[in-house]
Amino acid sequence: MTITTPRALKLFAAALLLPFATLSLHAQDWAKARLDASPRHHEYVPLKHGDRTVQAFVVYPEVKTKAPVVVLIHEIFGLSDWAKEMADELAAQGFIVIAPDLLTGFGPNGGGSSAFPDQDATVKAVSALDPAVVTADLDAAADYAKTIPSSNGKIAVAGFCWGGGKSFAFATHRHDLSAAFVFYGPGPSDVTNITAPVFGFYAGNDARIGATVPATIAAMKAAGKKYEPVTYDNAGHGFMRAGEDPTNNVPGNKTAREQAFTRLVTLLKEMKSASIASNATHNKTVASKKLTGPAIQCHDPAMQTAASM
């Protein structure tokens, strides 16, 4: 016997299922919309090193003079729409931004970040990346920065979440960096080879990463390196993305995001005009608005569908 479902019932069932099927795909529609509306020039560039080619998202500012280059390292969620939108926001402030897709070639059918079926698969893939391959990919991005005619020769690295730890680690390897910006990422075990000043951006409600900062301060101080960590009170891990997400209900994330972005741009502009390197270590805590919701963790399953990193 064949059971025929009325068309109206089928449409109703489809309507119920559609949000669940598309939520993970369109959780960052707001970021994509901002990116699509940008007047700046975006392009994808294949960066070759050895027998590997990594795809990089490059954004150019609309400026008259040569500009510094920022190598942007994405979060554990891959080169997402938010990561690309963050690159565009930095370009809007006058910087060339190169954001390599470190999952290039590791996705289904040899694809990159966009080829993975869901966020969990992306997280697993990023977590499994070979650190040596990541470093080589970042080297390729920094080397490419030197070939850009509109670059002024200064290169900085900025990373977020998983990328925050990688930006700190890259500073131990790459000695022609003008600065390293670490957003809620842990420090490396050995900091003695760092030559660039390192600026940290941490969340007050992120004990997982915050607990590592005192040891990093001590290590950087002992090695005579410049390290300036700032902790943004009442913000959760991932506040740079969460703070501009329209679904964010934690005021501290929005405030931290605004303050941290202003600090980042200010430091980059100082880097553009003069050297900001000096041997000093300072630790600051920036007060924010009173927390009215749960802290956001980049590994919090509840947030992975609402606001992907």
Protein backbone atom coordinates (compact mmCIF):
# COMPACT_ATOMS: atom_id res chain seq x y z
CA MET A 1 0.00 0.00 0.00
CA THR A 2 1.25 3.45 -0.89
CA ILE A 3 0.60 6.29 1.50
CA THR A 4 0.27 9.68 -0.16
CA THR A 5 1.16 12.68 1.96
CA PRO A 6 -0.84 15.82 1.22
CA ARG A 7 1.25 18.51 -0.48
CA ALA A 8 0.50 21.02 2.24
CA LEU A 9 1.80 18.62 4.88
CA LYS A 10 4.99 18.06 2.87
CA LEU A 11 5.56 21.78 2.58
CA PHE A 12 4.98 22.18 6.31
CA ALA A 13 7.48 19.44 7.13
CA ALA A 14 10.03 20.95 4.77
CA ALA A 15 9.57 24.33 6.39
CA LEU A 16 10.27 22.80 9.79
CA LEU A 17 13.42 21.03 8.60
CA LEU A 18 14.85 23.86 6.52
CA PRO A 19 16.18 25.99 9.40
CA PHE A 20 18.06 23.00 10.83
CA ALA A 21 19.51 22.08 7.45
CA THR A 22 20.71 25.58 6.66
CA LEU A 23 21.60 26.99 10.07
CA SER A 24 25.20 25.76 10.06
CA LEU A 25 25.64 26.89 6.45
CA HIS A 26 24.24 30.37 6.98
CA ALA A 27 25.20 31.12 10.57
CA GLN A 28 27.49 33.84 9.25
CA ASP A 29 25.18 35.39 6.70
CA TRP A 30 25.68 38.71 8.44
CA ALA A 31 29.46 38.50 7.84
CA LYS A 32 29.02 37.45 4.22
CA ALA A 33 26.58 40.31 3.61
CA ARG A 34 29.08 42.84 4.93
CA LEU A 35 31.83 41.29 2.85
CA ASP A 36 29.71 41.35 -0.31
CA ALA A 37 28.93 45.03 0.27
CA SER A 38 32.59 46.01 0.65
CA PRO A 39 34.02 48.38 -1.97
CA ARG A 40 37.53 46.98 -1.50
CA HIS A 41 39.32 44.69 -3.92
CA HIS A 42 39.26 41.00 -2.92
CA GLU A 43 41.08 38.21 -4.67
CA TYR A 44 42.22 34.62 -4.15
CA VAL A 45 45.90 33.98 -4.75
CA PRO A 46 47.57 30.54 -5.00
CA LEU A 47 50.71 30.53 -2.87
CA LYS A 48 53.14 27.81 -3.95
CA HIS A 49 55.87 26.32 -1.81
CA GLY A 50 57.49 23.00 -2.55
CA ASP A 51 54.87 20.63 -3.91
CA ARG A 52 52.03 22.38 -2.08
CA THR A 53 49.77 25.26 -3.10
CA VAL A 54 47.72 27.08 -0.48
CA GLN A 55 44.89 29.41 -1.43
CA ALA A 56 44.90 32.83 0.23
CA PHE A 57 42.21 35.48 0.46
CA VAL A 58 43.77 38.90 -0.14
CA VAL A 59 42.16 42.28 0.50
CA TYR A 60 43.56 45.64 -0.58
CA PRO A 61 42.84 48.99 1.07
CA GLU A 62 41.77 52.04 -0.92
CA VAL A 63 44.75 54.24 -0.13
CA LYS A 64 47.21 56.44 -2.05
CA THR A 65 50.38 55.25 -0.33
CA LYS A 66 52.07 51.92 0.25
CA ALA A 67 50.71 49.93 3.18
CA PRO A 68 51.84 47.31 5.72
CA VAL A 69 50.71 43.73 5.23
CA VAL A 70 48.88 41.72 7.88
CA VAL A 71 48.98 37.93 7.63
CA LEU A 72 45.70 36.89 9.22
CA ILE A 73 45.45 33.39 10.73
CA HIS A 74 41.92 32.04 10.92
CA GLU A 75 40.31 30.33 13.90
CA ILE A 76 39.81 26.63 14.44
CA PHE A 77 36.72 26.96 12.25
CA GLY A 78 38.75 27.52 9.10
CA LEU A 79 38.66 30.42 6.66
CA SER A 80 35.07 31.32 7.45
CA ASP A 81 33.02 34.25 6.21
CA TRP A 82 33.81 35.99 9.48
CA ALA A 83 37.57 35.52 9.00
CA LYS A 84 37.31 37.04 5.53
CA GLU A 85 35.10 39.85 6.82
CA MET A 86 37.67 40.53 9.55
CA ALA A 87 40.33 40.78 6.85
CA ASP A 88 38.17 43.27 4.99
CA GLU A 89 37.64 45.37 8.13
CA LEU A 90 41.40 45.63 8.63
CA ALA A 91 41.86 46.58 4.98
CA ALA A 92 39.30 49.33 5.51
CA GLN A 93 41.73 50.81 8.03
CA GLY A 94 44.51 51.02 5.46
CA PHE A 95 46.27 47.65 5.55
CA ILE A 96 46.80 44.90 2.99
CA VAL A 97 45.56 41.62 4.46
CA ILE A 98 46.50 38.08 3.43
CA ALA A 99 44.39 35.31 4.98
CA PRO A 100 45.64 31.87 3.89
CA ASP A 101 43.18 28.98 3.97
CA LEU A 102 45.27 26.55 5.97
CA LEU A 103 42.84 23.75 5.13
CA THR A 104 43.62 24.04 1.42
CA GLY A 105 43.78 20.54 -0.04
CA PHE A 106 42.73 18.82 3.17
CA GLY A 107 38.99 18.98 2.59
CA PRO A 108 36.72 16.54 0.74
CA ASN A 109 37.81 16.07 -2.87
CA GLY A 110 40.93 18.11 -2.20
CA GLY A 111 39.01 21.24 -1.23
CA GLY A 112 39.61 23.76 1.53
CA SER A 113 37.58 25.21 4.38
CA SER A 114 34.38 25.58 2.37
CA ALA A 115 34.43 21.91 1.31
CA PHE A 116 33.78 20.45 4.75
CA PRO A 117 30.22 19.23 5.37
CA ASP A 118 29.87 20.73 8.84
CA GLN A 119 31.67 22.64 11.52
CA ASP A 120 32.63 19.60 13.55
CA ALA A 121 34.47 18.16 10.56
CA THR A 122 36.25 21.49 10.06
CA VAL A 123 37.36 21.62 13.70
CA LYS A 124 38.74 18.09 13.52
CA ALA A 125 40.64 18.89 10.33
CA VAL A 126 42.19 22.09 11.71
CA SER A 127 43.12 20.31 14.94
CA ALA A 128 44.91 17.63 12.91
CA LEU A 129 47.00 20.02 10.80
CA ASP A 130 50.75 19.40 10.84
CA PRO A 131 52.40 22.39 12.60
CA ALA A 132 55.28 22.24 10.12
CA VAL A 133 52.88 22.55 7.19
CA VAL A 134 51.08 25.44 8.89
CA THR A 135 54.39 27.25 9.38
CA ALA A 136 55.35 26.67 5.75
CA ASP A 137 51.98 27.99 4.58
CA LEU A 138 52.40 31.10 6.73
CA ASP A 139 55.93 31.56 5.39
CA ALA A 140 54.49 31.45 1.88
CA ALA A 141 52.00 34.17 2.82
CA ALA A 142 54.73 36.36 4.37
CA ASP A 143 57.01 35.78 1.38
CA TYR A 144 54.20 36.77 -0.96
CA ALA A 145 53.67 39.94 1.08
CA LYS A 146 57.18 41.03 0.14
CA THR A 147 56.34 40.81 -3.57
CA ILE A 148 53.26 43.04 -3.44
CA PRO A 149 54.16 46.34 -5.15
CA SER A 150 51.84 48.37 -2.91
CA SER A 151 53.36 46.97 0.30
CA ASN A 152 55.66 49.20 2.35
CA GLY A 153 57.72 46.22 3.46
CA LYS A 154 56.35 45.86 6.97
CA ILE A 155 54.68 42.56 7.85
CA ALA A 156 52.63 41.69 10.93
CA VAL A 157 50.81 38.52 11.90
CA ALA A 158 47.44 38.42 13.66
CA GLY A 159 45.61 35.27 14.71
CA PHE A 160 42.39 34.40 16.47
CA CYS A 161 41.54 31.45 18.76
CA TRP A 162 43.55 28.53 17.32
CA GLY A 163 45.13 31.10 15.03
CA GLY A 164 46.09 33.19 18.05
CA GLY A 165 48.36 30.44 19.29
CA LYS A 166 49.74 30.01 15.78
CA SER A 167 50.50 33.73 15.49
CA PHE A 168 52.56 33.56 18.71
CA ALA A 169 54.34 30.45 17.46
CA PHE A 170 55.03 32.06 14.08
CA ALA A 171 56.78 34.92 15.85
CA THR A 172 59.31 32.41 17.20
CA HIS A 173 60.07 31.33 13.63
CA ARG A 174 59.81 34.43 11.46
CA HIS A 175 62.32 37.13 12.27
CA ASP A 176 61.27 39.81 9.81
CA LEU A 177 57.92 40.46 11.46
CA SER A 178 57.25 43.96 12.71
CA ALA A 179 54.67 42.75 15.26
CA ALA A 180 52.58 39.76 16.31
CA PHE A 181 48.99 40.09 17.54
CA VAL A 182 47.64 37.20 19.58
CA PHE A 183 43.88 37.00 20.16
CA TYR A 184 43.02 34.57 22.96
CA GLY A 185 45.69 32.05 22.03
CA PRO A 186 48.32 30.38 24.26
CA GLY A 187 52.00 31.22 24.13
CA PRO A 188 54.69 28.81 22.86
CA SER A 189 56.88 26.78 25.19
CA ASP A 190 60.06 28.53 23.99
CA VAL A 191 60.02 32.28 23.35
CA THR A 192 63.76 32.90 23.17
CA ASN A 193 63.83 33.26 19.37
CA ILE A 194 61.13 35.94 19.20
CA THR A 195 62.33 39.24 17.76
CA ALA A 196 59.06 41.11 17.17
CA PRO A 197 56.94 42.72 19.89
CA VAL A 198 53.93 40.60 20.82
CA PHE A 199 50.57 42.07 21.78
CA GLY A 200 47.99 39.89 23.50
CA PHE A 201 44.21 40.24 23.55
CA TYR A 202 42.45 38.06 26.13
CA ALA A 203 38.98 37.58 27.57
CA GLY A 204 38.22 37.99 31.26
CA ASN A 205 35.83 35.05 31.20
CA ASP A 206 38.20 32.62 29.51
CA ALA A 207 40.09 30.80 32.24
CA ARG A 208 41.26 28.11 29.82
CA ILE A 209 43.51 30.61 28.00
CA GLY A 210 43.77 33.24 30.73
CA ALA A 211 45.44 30.75 33.06
CA THR A 212 48.35 30.47 30.60
CA VAL A 213 49.09 34.20 30.48
CA PRO A 214 51.10 34.55 33.75
CA ALA A 215 53.59 31.89 32.64
CA THR A 216 53.89 33.55 29.24
CA ILE A 217 54.51 36.92 30.90
CA ALA A 218 57.26 35.38 33.01
CA ALA A 219 58.87 33.63 30.05
CA MET A 220 58.82 36.73 27.85
CA LYS A 221 60.20 38.88 30.66
CA ALA A 222 62.99 36.41 31.38
CA ALA A 223 63.90 36.36 27.69
CA GLY A 224 63.87 40.15 27.47
CA LYS A 225 61.06 40.24 24.92
CA LYS A 226 58.31 42.79 24.50
CA TYR A 227 54.92 41.38 25.45
CA GLU A 228 51.86 43.47 26.21
CA PRO A 229 48.80 41.38 27.12
CA VAL A 230 45.48 43.08 27.74
CA THR A 231 42.53 41.26 29.32
CA TYR A 232 39.06 42.53 28.48
CA ASP A 233 36.82 42.13 31.49
CA ASN A 234 33.40 40.46 31.13
CA ALA A 235 34.16 39.16 27.65
CA GLY A 236 34.23 35.52 26.58
CA HIS A 237 36.61 33.60 24.35
CA GLY A 238 36.02 34.53 20.72
CA PHE A 239 34.82 38.06 21.48
CA MET A 240 36.18 39.50 18.24
CA ARG A 241 33.64 37.46 16.29
CA ALA A 242 30.93 37.32 18.94
CA GLY A 243 31.12 41.05 19.58
CA GLU A 244 29.91 41.90 16.07
CA ASP A 245 27.52 38.97 15.66
CA PRO A 246 23.92 40.31 15.65
CA THR A 247 22.84 37.34 17.81
CA ASN A 248 25.33 38.21 20.59
CA ASN A 249 23.59 38.79 23.94
CA VAL A 250 26.70 39.47 26.04
CA PRO A 251 27.44 43.22 26.22
CA GLY A 252 31.00 42.51 27.37
CA ASN A 253 31.79 40.84 24.05
CA LYS A 254 30.70 43.86 22.02
CA THR A 255 32.63 46.28 24.22
CA ALA A 256 35.75 44.13 24.18
CA ARG A 257 35.55 43.75 20.43
CA GLU A 258 35.34 47.52 19.92
CA GLN A 259 38.18 48.25 22.34
CA ALA A 260 40.41 45.49 20.98
CA PHE A 261 39.86 46.49 17.36
CA THR A 262 40.73 50.09 18.17
CA ARG A 263 43.88 48.93 19.94
CA LEU A 264 44.86 46.67 17.05
CA VAL A 265 44.43 49.41 14.45
CA THR A 266 46.32 51.92 16.61
CA LEU A 267 49.26 49.53 17.01
CA LEU A 268 49.30 48.73 13.30
CA LYS A 269 49.37 52.43 12.45
CA GLU A 270 52.24 52.94 14.88
CA MET A 271 54.01 50.06 13.16
CA LYS A 272 53.40 51.80 9.83
CA SER A 273 55.03 55.04 10.93
CA ALA A 274 57.77 53.80 13.24
CA SER A 275 59.13 50.79 15.06
CA ILE A 276 57.10 49.73 18.10
CA ALA A 277 59.66 47.23 19.37
CA SER A 278 61.10 47.57 22.85
CA ASN A 279 61.87 45.13 25.63
CA ALA A 280 59.02 45.52 28.06
CA THR A 281 56.26 43.36 29.45
CA HIS A 282 53.05 44.82 30.80
CA ASN A 283 49.79 43.23 31.86
CA LYS A 284 46.56 45.19 31.75
CA THR A 285 42.93 44.45 32.44
CA VAL A 286 40.30 46.53 30.67
CA ALA A 287 36.96 46.83 32.40
CA SER A 288 33.86 46.21 30.33
CA LYS A 289 30.14 46.23 30.85
CA LYS A 290 28.55 43.90 33.37
CA LEU A 291 28.15 40.37 32.09
CA THR A 292 24.53 39.50 31.35
CA GLY A 293 24.96 36.16 29.61
CA PRO A 294 27.25 33.13 29.44
CA ALA A 295 30.85 33.45 28.31
CA ILE A 296 31.34 32.36 24.72
CA GLN A 297 33.87 29.63 24.09
CA CYS A 298 35.13 28.84 20.61
CA HIS A 299 34.67 25.16 21.44
CA ASP A 300 31.21 25.63 23.03
CA PRO A 301 28.84 23.34 21.07
CA ALA A 302 25.92 25.64 21.87
CA MET A 303 27.59 28.48 20.03
CA GLN A 304 28.95 26.52 17.08
CA THR A 305 25.71 26.73 15.13
CA ALA A 306 24.67 30.19 16.26
CA ALA A 307 27.94 31.98 15.63
CA SER A 308 30.69 30.07 13.90
CA MET A 309 34.25 31.29 14.20
